[in-house]
Amino acid sequence: MYRETELVSIGKRENNKKRNYLVINPLQGKHVPVCPGKAFELFDKLAEIVKKEYGGEELLVIGFAETATAIGANTAIRLGARYIQTTREEILQAEYIYFTEAHSHATEQKLLKADIDKAIGIVDRIIFIEDEVTTGNTILNIVRKMEEIYRRNLKFSVASILNGMTEDSMRSYEEKGIRCHYILKVDHGDYGRLAQQYTDTGNYEKCDLSGRYEAKEAGFTGWMDTRRMVDSLKYQKSCETLWKDMKASYGFKKDESVLVIGTEEFMYPALFIAGCIENEGCRVRCHSTTRSPIEVSADPSYPLRTRYELRSMYDSDRITYIYDIESCDRVFIITDAQSTEESGKNSLINALMKKNSEVHLIRWC
C-alpha cells in the first residue's frame, strides 16, 4: 500500500483566500511529470477497490475535471462501466446540471443533462471519482442537485486516491447513504501551515507568443468526447486505435526519451499513449497543462520549480499553465482542442521549445 510521502506534496495556491494549499500527487500525471506505468499502477489500485464492491451492478462513473479525468476514465474502463466527466468547457446547444467546487480557482462545474437523464433509467449506481476528497461538499452539492432534479432514490458512491474528510463529514455521507472508498486517508490539518512557509522563489516564465515555431502537426480520427457519456470499453478501443495510428506514423526506438503532454481536462488519452510508448522500451514522462495557478519555489522540498504561463488551446482568453518541463528527444502534445486560434498552440510550443527541439502536435478531435 502507498505511504503519504508517495502520494502527497503540498503546493501553494496563488491568490486563493478560500484555501491556500493544493495537494499535488506526484504519481497522478497532472502537475508533475510522471512515468505513465506508475500512474496506471496507482489508478488500477483504486479500480480494484471499487470493483470488489460493485462487481454485479450497472454503473455510471463520473470523473471530476480537471485533475481526476484520467483516474475516472481508467476506473470506468477497468469496471466496464459507462463514463462521463464533469467539465468547465461549453458544448453548444446543451443543457447542463450545474454545481460548484467552492475552494477551486474555477468554481463552476457541470454535467451534460441529457446524458445523465439517459443514465438515470439504466444504471444502479453513480460513482464519483476524485483524486482527493477534502470536505466532501462538492459531491454533496451535486448529489443534492440530482435528487432535486430526478426525485427518486439514487445510489451514490465516491472513490478517490486520497480522503481527507473529517469524522463529521464522513458521518454526513453515511447518513445520506453515500459510500466512500479510497486508497489513503490523510489529515489536512497541517497542510495550510506547510504551504504558507514556502516562498515563491521559483522560476516564472511569462506567456511567450513572440516565436512561431513550426511544430509537426497531425490529425487523427476516432475521437470520443468523454464530456458526453461513453461506453468505456469502446472509448478504450478508440484510444488503442489512436496508438496504432501514431505508432505507424512515428515509430519509437528503445531507450529514446519521450515527453507526452495532455491539455487541461484531456488527460487520459495522453497518459494512455505515454504508457504505450513506455511499453516500447522508451523513457517516458507525461503530464498536462492546467488552469491551476500554483506558486513555484526553489526550496528543495517543494514539488514545483518552474511555471510557464500559457494561453489555453480551448479559449485564447483563458490563462493556463504547465510546470517543470523536461528535456527529451521528442515531445508529443495530444489534445482534443478544436480551435484553430494560434495563441494557445504557440504559447505551449514556445514553452516546450525552451527545453526541447522536436515537438509534435497531435489533434484527436
Protein backbone atom coordinates (compact mmCIF):
# COMPACT_ATOMS: atom_id res chain seq x y z
CA MET A 1 0.00 0.00 0.00
CA TYR A 2 1.07 3.61 -0.59
CA ARG A 3 2.52 5.95 2.03
CA GLU A 4 1.56 9.60 2.35
CA THR A 5 5.03 10.71 1.25
CA GLU A 6 4.48 8.91 -2.06
CA LEU A 7 1.11 10.50 -2.86
CA VAL A 8 1.17 13.92 -1.18
CA SER A 9 3.22 17.02 -1.87
CA ILE A 10 1.92 20.39 -0.73
CA GLY A 11 1.80 23.27 -3.19
CA LYS A 12 0.81 26.87 -2.51
CA ARG A 13 -2.15 28.25 -4.42
CA GLU A 14 -1.73 31.71 -5.88
CA ASN A 15 -4.15 34.31 -4.51
CA ASN A 16 -6.75 31.85 -3.24
CA LYS A 17 -8.23 33.02 0.05
CA LYS A 18 -10.56 30.03 0.36
CA ARG A 19 -7.72 27.52 0.64
CA ASN A 20 -4.05 28.46 0.42
CA TYR A 21 -2.74 24.96 -0.32
CA LEU A 22 -3.08 22.41 -3.10
CA VAL A 23 -2.43 18.71 -2.64
CA ILE A 24 -0.16 17.66 -5.52
CA ASN A 25 0.06 13.96 -6.23
CA PRO A 26 3.39 13.25 -7.97
CA LEU A 27 2.04 9.98 -9.44
CA GLN A 28 -1.12 11.42 -10.97
CA GLY A 29 0.31 12.76 -14.22
CA LYS A 30 -1.13 16.26 -13.87
CA HIS A 31 1.21 18.90 -12.46
CA VAL A 32 4.35 16.76 -12.06
CA PRO A 33 5.87 14.72 -14.94
CA VAL A 34 5.35 11.01 -14.19
CA CYS A 35 6.33 7.63 -15.58
CA PRO A 36 2.96 6.53 -17.02
CA GLY A 37 3.31 2.99 -15.67
CA LYS A 38 3.45 4.36 -12.12
CA ALA A 39 0.32 6.46 -12.71
CA PHE A 40 -1.65 3.48 -14.03
CA GLU A 41 -0.44 1.26 -11.20
CA LEU A 42 -1.98 3.78 -8.78
CA PHE A 43 -5.19 4.17 -10.80
CA ASP A 44 -5.62 0.40 -11.07
CA LYS A 45 -5.35 0.08 -7.30
CA LEU A 46 -8.38 2.34 -6.90
CA ALA A 47 -10.28 0.47 -9.61
CA GLU A 48 -9.65 -2.84 -7.81
CA ILE A 49 -11.13 -1.44 -4.58
CA VAL A 50 -14.27 -0.31 -6.40
CA LYS A 51 -14.64 -3.48 -8.45
CA LYS A 52 -14.71 -5.66 -5.33
CA GLU A 53 -17.69 -3.69 -4.04
CA TYR A 54 -19.82 -3.30 -7.16
CA GLY A 55 -18.96 -6.16 -9.49
CA GLY A 56 -22.61 -7.01 -10.15
CA GLU A 57 -24.10 -3.52 -10.59
CA GLU A 58 -24.66 -1.38 -13.66
CA LEU A 59 -22.53 1.70 -13.00
CA LEU A 60 -22.10 5.23 -14.23
CA VAL A 61 -18.64 6.52 -13.35
CA ILE A 62 -18.21 10.31 -13.20
CA GLY A 63 -14.67 11.70 -13.22
CA PHE A 64 -14.10 15.22 -11.90
CA ALA A 65 -12.43 17.81 -14.12
CA GLU A 66 -9.81 18.60 -14.44
CA THR A 67 -7.49 16.58 -12.27
CA ALA A 68 -9.46 13.32 -11.98
CA THR A 69 -10.48 12.78 -15.60
CA ALA A 70 -7.75 10.20 -16.24
CA ILE A 71 -8.41 8.40 -12.94
CA GLY A 72 -12.12 8.37 -13.72
CA ALA A 73 -11.70 7.05 -17.26
CA ASN A 74 -9.30 4.34 -16.14
CA THR A 75 -11.66 3.24 -13.34
CA ALA A 76 -14.62 3.06 -15.73
CA ILE A 77 -12.59 1.02 -18.22
CA ARG A 78 -11.48 -1.45 -15.55
CA LEU A 79 -15.12 -1.83 -14.45
CA GLY A 80 -16.55 -1.94 -17.99
CA ALA A 81 -18.88 0.89 -16.94
CA ARG A 82 -20.43 3.89 -18.62
CA TYR A 83 -18.33 7.01 -18.19
CA ILE A 84 -18.75 10.76 -18.26
CA GLN A 85 -16.64 13.57 -16.86
CA THR A 86 -17.62 16.90 -15.37
CA THR A 87 -16.46 19.83 -17.42
CA ARG A 88 -15.91 23.57 -17.39
CA GLU A 89 -15.97 23.74 -21.19
CA GLU A 90 -19.02 24.66 -23.28
CA ILE A 91 -20.88 22.24 -25.53
CA LEU A 92 -23.07 24.13 -27.96
CA GLN A 93 -26.84 23.94 -27.52
CA ALA A 94 -26.52 21.74 -24.44
CA GLU A 95 -28.43 21.85 -21.17
CA TYR A 96 -26.32 21.28 -18.08
CA ILE A 97 -26.58 20.29 -14.47
CA TYR A 98 -24.52 22.96 -12.70
CA PHE A 99 -22.81 22.70 -9.34
CA THR A 100 -19.91 24.41 -7.60
CA GLU A 101 -16.47 23.47 -6.31
CA ALA A 102 -16.14 26.24 -3.76
CA HIS A 103 -12.40 26.02 -2.94
CA SER A 104 -11.28 25.95 -6.57
CA HIS A 105 -9.87 28.78 -8.67
CA ALA A 106 -12.65 27.99 -11.18
CA THR A 107 -15.71 27.13 -9.13
CA GLU A 108 -18.28 26.22 -11.76
CA GLN A 109 -18.61 22.57 -12.76
CA LYS A 110 -21.25 20.96 -14.92
CA LEU A 111 -22.55 17.72 -16.40
CA LEU A 112 -24.46 17.28 -19.64
CA LYS A 113 -28.07 16.85 -18.51
CA ALA A 114 -29.32 14.85 -21.50
CA ASP A 115 -26.72 12.14 -20.84
CA ILE A 116 -27.45 12.00 -17.11
CA ASP A 117 -31.18 11.77 -17.96
CA LYS A 118 -30.38 8.76 -20.12
CA ALA A 119 -28.18 7.12 -17.47
CA ILE A 120 -30.62 7.51 -14.57
CA GLY A 121 -33.01 4.92 -16.00
CA ILE A 122 -30.42 2.25 -16.75
CA VAL A 123 -27.73 2.34 -14.04
CA ASP A 124 -27.90 1.00 -10.49
CA ARG A 125 -25.34 3.36 -9.01
CA ILE A 126 -23.38 6.53 -9.75
CA ILE A 127 -19.75 6.54 -8.64
CA PHE A 128 -17.90 9.85 -8.43
CA ILE A 129 -14.14 9.62 -8.93
CA GLU A 130 -11.85 12.22 -7.43
CA ASP A 131 -8.12 12.45 -6.94
CA GLU A 132 -8.73 13.80 -3.46
CA VAL A 133 -11.83 14.45 -1.31
CA THR A 134 -11.32 17.06 1.41
CA THR A 135 -14.65 18.22 2.86
CA GLY A 136 -16.90 16.24 0.53
CA ASN A 137 -19.06 19.33 -0.02
CA THR A 138 -18.64 19.42 -3.80
CA ILE A 139 -20.03 15.91 -4.17
CA LEU A 140 -22.83 16.65 -1.70
CA ASN A 141 -23.75 19.63 -3.88
CA ILE A 142 -24.17 17.50 -6.97
CA VAL A 143 -25.93 14.67 -5.11
CA ARG A 144 -28.49 17.14 -3.78
CA LYS A 145 -28.89 18.65 -7.23
CA MET A 146 -29.53 15.24 -8.79
CA GLU A 147 -32.01 14.27 -6.08
CA GLU A 148 -33.81 17.56 -6.64
CA ILE A 149 -33.97 17.07 -10.41
CA TYR A 150 -34.83 13.36 -10.60
CA ARG A 151 -36.98 12.89 -7.47
CA ARG A 152 -36.04 9.27 -6.96
CA ASN A 153 -33.86 7.16 -4.70
CA LEU A 154 -30.44 7.10 -6.32
CA LYS A 155 -27.42 5.16 -5.10
CA PHE A 156 -24.17 7.11 -4.87
CA SER A 157 -20.57 6.23 -4.05
CA VAL A 158 -17.32 8.17 -4.03
CA ALA A 159 -13.87 6.74 -4.78
CA SER A 160 -10.67 8.76 -4.50
CA ILE A 161 -6.93 8.33 -4.25
CA LEU A 162 -6.87 10.44 -1.07
CA ASN A 163 -9.55 11.10 1.52
CA GLY A 164 -9.11 13.97 3.95
CA MET A 165 -12.68 14.16 5.27
CA THR A 166 -13.29 14.73 8.96
CA GLU A 167 -15.32 12.30 11.06
CA ASP A 168 -18.28 14.70 10.90
CA SER A 169 -18.09 14.86 7.11
CA MET A 170 -17.86 11.07 6.86
CA ARG A 171 -20.88 10.79 9.15
CA SER A 172 -22.91 13.12 6.91
CA TYR A 173 -22.13 10.83 3.97
CA GLU A 174 -23.22 7.78 5.94
CA GLU A 175 -26.50 9.48 6.84
CA LYS A 176 -27.20 10.07 3.14
CA GLY A 177 -26.15 6.54 2.23
CA ILE A 178 -23.14 7.70 0.17
CA ARG A 179 -20.40 5.08 0.35
CA CYS A 180 -16.73 6.18 0.40
CA HIS A 181 -13.71 4.29 -0.92
CA TYR A 182 -10.12 5.49 -1.03
CA ILE A 183 -6.52 4.35 -1.13
CA LEU A 184 -5.12 6.61 1.60
CA LYS A 185 -6.66 8.55 4.50
CA VAL A 186 -4.94 11.88 5.14
CA ASP A 187 -5.24 14.69 7.64
CA HIS A 188 -5.33 18.19 6.16
CA GLY A 189 -4.82 19.89 9.50
CA ASP A 190 -1.23 20.95 8.84
CA TYR A 191 -1.33 21.48 5.08
CA GLY A 192 -2.15 25.19 5.25
CA ARG A 193 0.82 25.87 7.51
CA LEU A 194 3.14 23.85 5.27
CA ALA A 195 2.05 25.81 2.20
CA GLN A 196 2.46 29.15 3.96
CA GLN A 197 6.10 28.53 4.84
CA TYR A 198 7.17 28.37 1.19
CA THR A 199 8.30 31.49 -0.67
CA ASP A 200 7.76 31.97 -4.37
CA THR A 201 11.44 31.83 -5.30
CA GLY A 202 10.92 29.58 -8.33
CA ASN A 203 11.20 30.48 -11.99
CA TYR A 204 8.20 32.21 -13.58
CA GLU A 205 8.10 32.18 -17.38
CA LYS A 206 5.58 34.64 -18.80
CA CYS A 207 3.39 33.69 -21.73
CA ASP A 208 5.52 33.74 -24.89
CA LEU A 209 3.63 34.44 -28.11
CA SER A 210 6.56 36.03 -29.94
CA GLY A 211 8.06 32.99 -31.65
CA ARG A 212 6.09 30.82 -34.05
CA TYR A 213 7.97 27.55 -34.04
CA GLU A 214 6.68 25.10 -36.58
CA ALA A 215 5.56 22.04 -34.67
CA LYS A 216 4.89 18.99 -36.80
CA GLU A 217 1.10 18.88 -36.63
CA ALA A 218 -1.09 15.89 -37.45
CA GLY A 219 -4.74 14.97 -37.02
CA PHE A 220 -6.15 11.53 -36.24
CA THR A 221 -9.74 10.32 -36.33
CA GLY A 222 -11.77 8.17 -33.94
CA TRP A 223 -12.04 10.66 -31.07
CA MET A 224 -14.70 10.11 -28.42
CA ASP A 225 -15.64 13.03 -26.19
CA THR A 226 -15.92 12.00 -22.54
CA ARG A 227 -17.77 15.21 -21.73
CA ARG A 228 -20.59 13.10 -23.16
CA MET A 229 -21.46 9.69 -21.72
CA VAL A 230 -19.47 6.92 -23.41
CA ASP A 231 -19.19 3.17 -23.24
CA SER A 232 -15.79 2.98 -21.54
CA LEU A 233 -14.71 -0.17 -23.39
CA LYS A 234 -15.45 1.47 -26.75
CA TYR A 235 -13.54 4.51 -25.52
CA GLN A 236 -10.56 2.31 -24.68
CA LYS A 237 -10.72 0.79 -28.17
CA SER A 238 -10.67 4.26 -29.69
CA CYS A 239 -7.56 5.12 -27.66
CA GLU A 240 -5.93 1.88 -28.82
CA THR A 241 -6.67 2.86 -32.44
CA LEU A 242 -5.06 6.25 -31.85
CA TRP A 243 -1.97 4.44 -30.57
CA LYS A 244 -1.81 2.16 -33.63
CA ASP A 245 -2.07 5.18 -35.92
CA MET A 246 0.62 7.08 -34.01
CA LYS A 247 2.96 4.09 -33.86
CA ALA A 248 2.62 3.60 -37.61
CA SER A 249 3.26 7.29 -38.28
CA TYR A 250 6.16 7.93 -35.90
CA GLY A 251 7.77 4.71 -34.71
CA PHE A 252 9.56 4.63 -31.38
CA LYS A 253 13.10 3.47 -30.65
CA LYS A 254 14.08 1.67 -27.48
CA ASP A 255 15.73 3.93 -24.90
CA GLU A 256 14.77 7.21 -26.58
CA SER A 257 13.30 9.77 -24.19
CA VAL A 258 9.78 10.98 -24.89
CA LEU A 259 7.62 13.63 -23.22
CA VAL A 260 3.84 13.43 -23.68
CA ILE A 261 1.66 16.43 -22.83
CA GLY A 262 -2.11 16.41 -22.36
CA THR A 263 -4.23 19.55 -22.29
CA GLU A 264 -6.37 20.60 -19.32
CA GLU A 265 -9.30 18.14 -18.96
CA PHE A 266 -7.91 15.94 -21.73
CA MET A 267 -5.64 13.71 -19.66
CA TYR A 268 -6.46 10.04 -20.20
CA PRO A 269 -5.55 9.71 -23.91
CA ALA A 270 -2.19 11.41 -23.30
CA LEU A 271 -1.39 9.10 -20.37
CA PHE A 272 -2.57 6.06 -22.30
CA ILE A 273 -0.38 6.90 -25.31
CA ALA A 274 2.53 7.63 -22.96
CA GLY A 275 2.06 4.18 -21.42
CA CYS A 276 2.10 2.54 -24.85
CA ILE A 277 5.31 4.38 -25.76
CA GLU A 278 6.82 3.28 -22.45
CA ASN A 279 5.96 -0.31 -23.33
CA GLU A 280 8.10 0.09 -26.46
CA GLY A 281 11.13 0.46 -24.18
CA CYS A 282 11.29 4.24 -24.21
CA ARG A 283 11.96 6.51 -21.24
CA VAL A 284 8.70 8.41 -20.94
CA ARG A 285 7.27 11.21 -18.84
CA CYS A 286 3.74 12.56 -19.03
CA HIS A 287 1.84 15.48 -17.52
CA SER A 288 -0.63 18.09 -18.72
CA THR A 289 -1.49 21.75 -18.85
CA THR A 290 -3.81 23.08 -16.14
CA ARG A 291 -5.93 26.02 -15.14
CA SER A 292 -4.41 25.90 -11.64
CA PRO A 293 -2.17 28.89 -10.77
CA ILE A 294 0.34 27.45 -8.31
CA GLU A 295 3.32 29.27 -6.85
CA VAL A 296 6.74 27.74 -7.55
CA SER A 297 9.73 27.67 -5.25
CA ALA A 298 13.44 26.88 -5.29
CA ASP A 299 13.06 25.16 -1.92
CA PRO A 300 14.33 21.56 -2.38
CA SER A 301 11.30 20.14 -0.56
CA TYR A 302 8.78 21.96 -2.76
CA PRO A 303 7.24 19.97 -5.65
CA LEU A 304 7.31 22.60 -8.44
CA ARG A 305 10.26 24.69 -9.63
CA THR A 306 9.23 26.43 -12.87
CA ARG A 307 5.86 27.74 -14.04
CA TYR A 308 5.15 28.51 -17.68
CA GLU A 309 2.18 30.77 -18.35
CA LEU A 310 0.16 29.83 -21.44
CA ARG A 311 -2.95 30.73 -23.38
CA SER A 312 -5.48 27.91 -23.38
CA MET A 313 -5.76 25.85 -26.54
CA TYR A 314 -9.53 25.81 -25.92
CA ASP A 315 -10.07 29.51 -25.26
CA SER A 316 -7.45 32.14 -26.10
CA ASP A 317 -8.82 34.45 -23.40
CA ARG A 318 -8.04 31.90 -20.67
CA ILE A 319 -4.69 31.68 -18.91
CA THR A 320 -3.36 28.18 -18.26
CA TYR A 321 -0.05 26.78 -17.02
CA ILE A 322 2.40 23.94 -17.30
CA TYR A 323 5.07 23.13 -14.72
CA ASP A 324 8.61 21.73 -14.77
CA ILE A 325 9.02 20.88 -18.44
CA GLU A 326 11.69 18.22 -19.01
CA SER A 327 14.15 17.86 -21.88
CA CYS A 328 13.56 14.81 -24.12
CA ASP A 329 14.37 13.51 -27.58
CA ARG A 330 10.80 14.06 -28.75
CA VAL A 331 7.69 15.75 -27.38
CA PHE A 332 4.10 14.87 -28.29
CA ILE A 333 1.25 17.22 -27.40
CA ILE A 334 -2.02 15.26 -27.56
CA THR A 335 -5.15 17.40 -27.50
CA ASP A 336 -8.82 17.44 -28.39
CA ALA A 337 -8.82 21.24 -28.72
CA GLN A 338 -10.65 22.00 -31.94
CA SER A 339 -9.88 25.70 -32.09
CA THR A 340 -7.59 26.84 -34.89
CA GLU A 341 -6.75 30.01 -32.92
CA GLU A 342 -2.97 30.22 -32.78
CA SER A 343 -2.10 31.75 -29.40
CA GLY A 344 -2.80 28.63 -27.31
CA LYS A 345 -0.80 26.41 -29.63
CA ASN A 346 2.07 28.88 -29.96
CA SER A 347 2.42 29.56 -26.24
CA LEU A 348 2.62 25.85 -25.37
CA ILE A 349 5.04 25.07 -28.19
CA ASN A 350 7.20 28.07 -27.27
CA ALA A 351 7.35 26.87 -23.67
CA LEU A 352 8.28 23.32 -24.70
CA MET A 353 10.92 24.57 -27.13
CA LYS A 354 12.82 26.18 -24.27
CA LYS A 355 13.93 22.65 -23.32
CA ASN A 356 13.26 20.62 -26.49
CA SER A 357 13.98 20.77 -30.20
CA GLU A 358 11.40 18.35 -31.68
CA VAL A 359 7.73 18.92 -30.85
CA HIS A 360 4.76 17.15 -32.46
CA LEU A 361 1.18 18.36 -32.06
CA ILE A 362 -1.45 15.62 -32.32
CA ARG A 363 -5.05 16.75 -32.68
CA TRP A 364 -7.54 13.99 -31.86
CA CYS A 365 -10.88 15.62 -32.45
